[in-house]
Protein backbone atom coordinates (compact mmCIF):
# COMPACT_ATOMS: atom_id res chain seq x y z
CA MET A 1 0.93 38.56 -44.98
CA ALA A 2 0.75 38.87 -41.15
CA LEU A 3 2.73 36.77 -38.81
CA PRO A 4 0.54 35.42 -36.05
CA ILE A 5 1.02 36.95 -32.46
CA ALA A 6 3.46 34.47 -30.35
CA GLN A 7 1.20 34.04 -27.57
CA PRO A 8 3.48 34.59 -23.76
CA MET A 9 4.59 31.41 -22.39
CA MET A 10 2.74 30.76 -19.02
CA SER A 11 4.77 31.23 -16.12
CA ALA A 12 4.52 28.26 -13.15
CA ALA A 13 2.44 30.30 -10.73
CA ASP A 14 0.02 30.90 -13.46
CA ARG A 15 -0.46 27.21 -14.44
CA LEU A 16 -0.43 26.39 -11.58
CA ALA A 17 -3.12 28.67 -10.63
CA SER A 18 -5.06 27.90 -13.84
CA VAL A 19 -5.42 23.84 -12.74
CA ARG A 20 -6.35 24.82 -8.97
CA GLY A 21 -9.37 27.35 -10.43
CA ASP A 22 -10.07 24.16 -12.73
CA ILE A 23 -10.29 22.00 -9.87
CA ALA A 24 -12.02 24.16 -8.14
CA ALA A 25 -14.66 24.72 -10.29
CA ALA A 26 -15.25 21.06 -11.09
CA ALA A 27 -15.49 20.90 -7.55
CA LYS A 28 -18.37 23.45 -6.51
CA LEU A 29 -20.17 22.00 -9.98
CA ALA A 30 -20.45 18.52 -8.29
CA GLY A 31 -21.34 20.22 -4.65
CA ARG A 32 -18.03 19.58 -3.14
CA ASP A 33 -15.11 21.26 -0.69
CA PRO A 34 -12.06 21.93 -3.47
CA ALA A 35 -10.15 21.55 -0.59
CA GLY A 36 -11.85 18.09 -0.91
CA VAL A 37 -8.75 17.60 -3.64
CA GLU A 38 -5.02 16.76 -3.04
CA LEU A 39 -3.34 18.38 -6.18
CA VAL A 40 0.14 15.81 -7.41
CA ALA A 41 2.47 17.14 -9.59
CA VAL A 42 3.51 14.54 -11.63
CA SER A 43 7.18 15.69 -11.84
CA LYS A 44 8.72 12.47 -13.51
CA SER A 45 11.33 13.50 -15.85
CA ARG A 46 11.22 17.19 -14.76
CA ALA A 47 14.17 19.12 -14.02
CA SER A 48 15.10 20.74 -10.86
CA ASP A 49 14.58 24.06 -11.64
CA GLU A 50 10.94 23.22 -13.10
CA ILE A 51 10.58 21.65 -9.94
CA GLU A 52 12.06 24.44 -8.12
CA ALA A 53 9.29 27.09 -10.23
CA LEU A 54 6.15 24.99 -8.71
CA ILE A 55 7.42 25.07 -5.15
CA ALA A 56 8.14 28.45 -5.15
CA ALA A 57 4.29 29.05 -6.87
CA GLY A 58 3.01 27.15 -3.65
CA GLN A 59 2.55 23.59 -4.59
CA GLN A 60 3.67 21.21 -2.16
CA GLU A 61 2.84 17.73 -3.38
CA PHE A 62 5.07 16.37 -5.79
CA GLY A 63 4.57 12.47 -7.55
CA GLU A 64 7.45 10.31 -8.90
CA SER A 65 7.12 6.97 -10.82
CA ARG A 66 10.49 5.96 -10.95
CA VAL A 67 12.54 5.50 -7.52
CA GLN A 68 15.93 5.43 -9.20
CA GLU A 69 14.92 8.74 -10.67
CA ALA A 70 13.57 10.46 -7.44
CA LEU A 71 16.53 9.46 -5.73
CA THR A 72 18.89 11.54 -8.09
CA LYS A 73 16.92 14.72 -7.72
CA TRP A 74 15.02 15.03 -5.03
CA PRO A 75 17.41 14.99 -1.41
CA PRO A 76 18.33 18.37 -2.04
CA LEU A 77 15.14 19.46 -2.92
CA LEU A 78 13.62 17.85 0.41
CA ALA A 79 16.39 19.07 2.07
CA ALA A 80 15.71 22.66 1.23
CA HIS A 81 12.16 22.60 1.23
CA PRO A 82 10.85 20.19 4.39
CA ASP A 83 7.05 21.35 3.53
CA VAL A 84 7.25 19.37 0.69
CA ARG A 85 5.63 15.81 0.42
CA LEU A 86 6.66 13.12 -2.12
CA HIS A 87 4.37 10.55 -3.69
CA CYS A 88 5.15 8.01 -5.24
CA ILE A 89 2.70 7.17 -8.45
CA GLY A 90 4.72 4.52 -10.48
CA ARG A 91 4.58 0.41 -10.48
CA LEU A 92 7.07 -0.21 -7.23
CA GLN A 93 9.02 -3.48 -6.95
CA SER A 94 9.56 -4.93 -3.28
CA ASN A 95 12.96 -4.81 -3.47
CA LYS A 96 12.57 -0.89 -3.91
CA ALA A 97 10.55 -1.00 -0.84
CA ALA A 98 13.36 0.25 1.57
CA GLU A 99 13.93 3.07 -0.25
CA ALA A 100 10.36 3.97 -1.03
CA VAL A 101 9.39 4.11 1.95
CA LYS A 102 12.20 6.69 3.40
CA LEU A 103 11.37 9.43 0.37
CA PHE A 104 7.90 8.69 -0.05
CA GLU A 105 4.73 10.00 1.97
CA THR A 106 2.25 8.52 0.14
CA ILE A 107 2.51 5.32 -2.35
CA HIS A 108 -0.28 5.33 -4.73
CA SER A 109 0.52 1.78 -6.23
CA VAL A 110 0.23 -0.90 -3.86
CA ASP A 111 -1.24 -3.76 -5.92
CA ARG A 112 -0.10 -7.07 -4.63
CA LEU A 113 -0.05 -8.52 -0.61
CA SER A 114 3.82 -9.50 -1.75
CA LEU A 115 4.60 -5.58 -1.87
CA LEU A 116 2.35 -4.52 1.23
CA ASP A 117 4.39 -6.97 3.55
CA ALA A 118 7.53 -5.40 2.17
CA LEU A 119 6.62 -2.08 2.54
CA VAL A 120 5.42 -3.02 6.37
CA ARG A 121 8.38 -4.37 6.90
CA GLU A 122 10.67 -1.73 5.52
CA ALA A 123 8.48 1.14 6.98
CA GLU A 124 9.13 -0.80 10.25
CA LYS A 125 12.71 -0.53 10.56
CA ALA A 126 13.12 2.52 9.23
CA ARG A 127 10.18 4.19 11.56
CA CYS A 128 7.88 6.00 9.19
CA THR A 129 4.11 4.91 8.04
CA PRO A 130 3.63 6.28 4.17
CA ARG A 131 -0.13 6.08 3.33
CA VAL A 132 -1.19 4.00 1.03
CA TYR A 133 -3.32 3.56 -1.89
CA VAL A 134 -4.45 0.10 -3.32
CA GLN A 135 -4.27 -0.08 -6.91
CA VAL A 136 -6.64 -1.43 -9.19
CA ASN A 137 -6.58 -2.59 -12.69
CA ILE A 138 -9.92 -0.64 -13.53
CA GLY A 139 -9.61 -1.35 -17.20
CA GLU A 140 -8.58 -5.63 -16.36
CA GLU A 141 -5.62 -4.58 -19.12
CA GLU A 142 -2.50 -7.16 -19.30
CA GLN A 143 -0.50 -4.90 -19.34
CA LYS A 144 -1.15 -2.22 -16.41
CA GLY A 145 -0.66 -2.95 -12.98
CA GLY A 146 -3.24 -2.75 -10.40
CA CYS A 147 -5.05 -5.43 -8.35
CA ALA A 148 -8.62 -7.23 -10.19
CA ILE A 149 -11.49 -5.71 -9.06
CA GLY A 150 -12.38 -8.40 -7.42
CA GLU A 151 -9.06 -8.88 -5.03
CA VAL A 152 -9.91 -5.33 -3.72
CA GLY A 153 -11.55 -6.41 -0.89
CA LYS A 154 -9.05 -8.78 0.53
CA LEU A 155 -6.03 -6.09 -0.57
CA VAL A 156 -7.61 -3.29 1.31
CA ASP A 157 -8.98 -5.20 4.53
CA ALA A 158 -4.89 -5.92 4.33
CA VAL A 159 -4.08 -2.59 4.53
CA ARG A 160 -6.34 -1.76 7.17
CA ARG A 161 -4.37 -4.63 9.26
CA SER A 162 -0.92 -3.90 8.59
CA PRO A 163 0.13 -0.01 10.34
CA LEU A 164 0.43 2.21 7.28
CA PRO A 165 -2.64 4.19 6.85
CA LEU A 166 -5.20 3.63 3.92
CA ALA A 167 -5.23 6.25 1.53
CA GLY A 168 -7.67 5.08 -0.84
CA LEU A 169 -7.71 3.38 -4.07
CA MET A 170 -5.91 4.75 -7.00
CA ALA A 171 -6.73 3.55 -10.41
CA ILE A 172 -5.65 4.61 -14.47
CA PRO A 173 -8.19 4.37 -17.19
CA PRO A 174 -7.49 2.48 -20.40
CA LEU A 175 -6.41 5.07 -23.18
CA ASP A 176 -7.96 6.60 -25.65
CA VAL A 177 -11.36 6.14 -24.41
CA GLU A 178 -14.03 7.99 -22.33
CA PRO A 179 -12.89 7.69 -18.70
CA SER A 180 -15.56 8.81 -16.69
CA PRO A 181 -17.25 5.26 -16.93
CA TYR A 182 -13.97 3.54 -14.94
CA PHE A 183 -13.78 7.03 -12.22
CA ALA A 184 -17.52 6.31 -11.44
CA LEU A 185 -16.98 2.21 -11.63
CA LEU A 186 -13.76 2.84 -9.05
CA ALA A 187 -15.90 5.27 -6.87
CA GLN A 188 -18.86 2.56 -6.63
CA ILE A 189 -16.12 -0.01 -5.69
CA ALA A 190 -14.94 2.18 -3.10
CA ARG A 191 -18.42 2.92 -1.17
CA ARG A 192 -18.74 -1.19 -1.33
CA HIS A 193 -15.44 -1.15 0.97
CA ASP A 194 -15.97 1.58 2.92
CA VAL A 195 -12.80 3.39 1.87
CA GLU A 196 -12.62 7.50 1.22
CA GLY A 197 -9.76 8.20 -0.65
CA LEU A 198 -9.96 8.17 -4.56
CA SER A 199 -6.89 8.67 -6.53
CA ILE A 200 -7.78 9.17 -10.10
CA GLY A 201 -7.74 11.63 -12.83
CA MET A 202 -4.82 13.37 -15.31
CA SER A 203 -3.53 16.33 -17.23
CA GLY A 204 -6.37 15.29 -19.76
CA ASP A 205 -9.26 14.36 -17.52
CA PHE A 206 -9.16 15.48 -14.09
CA LYS A 207 -11.93 17.74 -14.12
CA GLU A 208 -13.89 14.67 -14.88
CA ALA A 209 -12.39 12.71 -12.32
CA VAL A 210 -13.07 15.84 -9.75
CA MET A 211 -16.60 16.05 -10.54
CA LEU A 212 -16.60 11.90 -9.81
CA GLY A 213 -15.04 11.97 -6.59
CA ALA A 214 -11.62 12.20 -6.79
CA THR A 215 -9.53 13.46 -3.69
CA ALA A 216 -6.28 13.46 -5.19
CA VAL A 217 -5.51 14.10 -8.91
CA ARG A 218 -1.64 13.72 -10.61
CA VAL A 219 -1.12 16.65 -12.97
CA GLY A 220 1.97 16.63 -14.94
CA THR A 221 1.63 18.67 -18.66
CA ALA A 222 -1.11 20.67 -17.80
CA LEU A 223 1.64 22.45 -14.71
CA PHE A 224 4.59 22.17 -16.42
CA GLU A 225 6.20 23.93 -20.06
CA ASP A 226 6.54 21.47 -22.23
């Protein structure tokens, strides 16, 4: 009985090229410019050598979920690669605001006024202006972060009054359901509030997200070898 032929492992450069190709194809199907979609490589729980391989392949945007984990590995990486930009994509506690504004250039998880106030205060002290996304609890799930749909306007207006640039809206659809209706709903909410940026889509659904207007996709598994 013949043994199955082992498939060669894809390199970091191959995986990055594949994801970028999928983004470009989805954007073109939607009549969009692929350059309008920012690819954020989700590097939480990934070792520095894995991250270095993607940087060497040309990836510059990376996302981390926890401030403490990011602090353990990213300062030397950022020092070695000053063109790399770090995104906070996880729930953020107000008491981590001081560290967050110094480490992250973009924060995707602003979901309450108290957090925004803490970020503004610490950003002024640090003399930096990270971009922020307003996170929306698009599936109205109790266990997830994000502001209620009815509170989006109030929080968007507060960001616009602040010195921090508004990057857009972010959401994570419920698990194990078709995500496209949630992406479409977030796009509708964004239009209602005259917001252009949409941080939606992960490894399993980023192509659908791009076709429905994503300007940033957060991709982990598809970019890193398990």
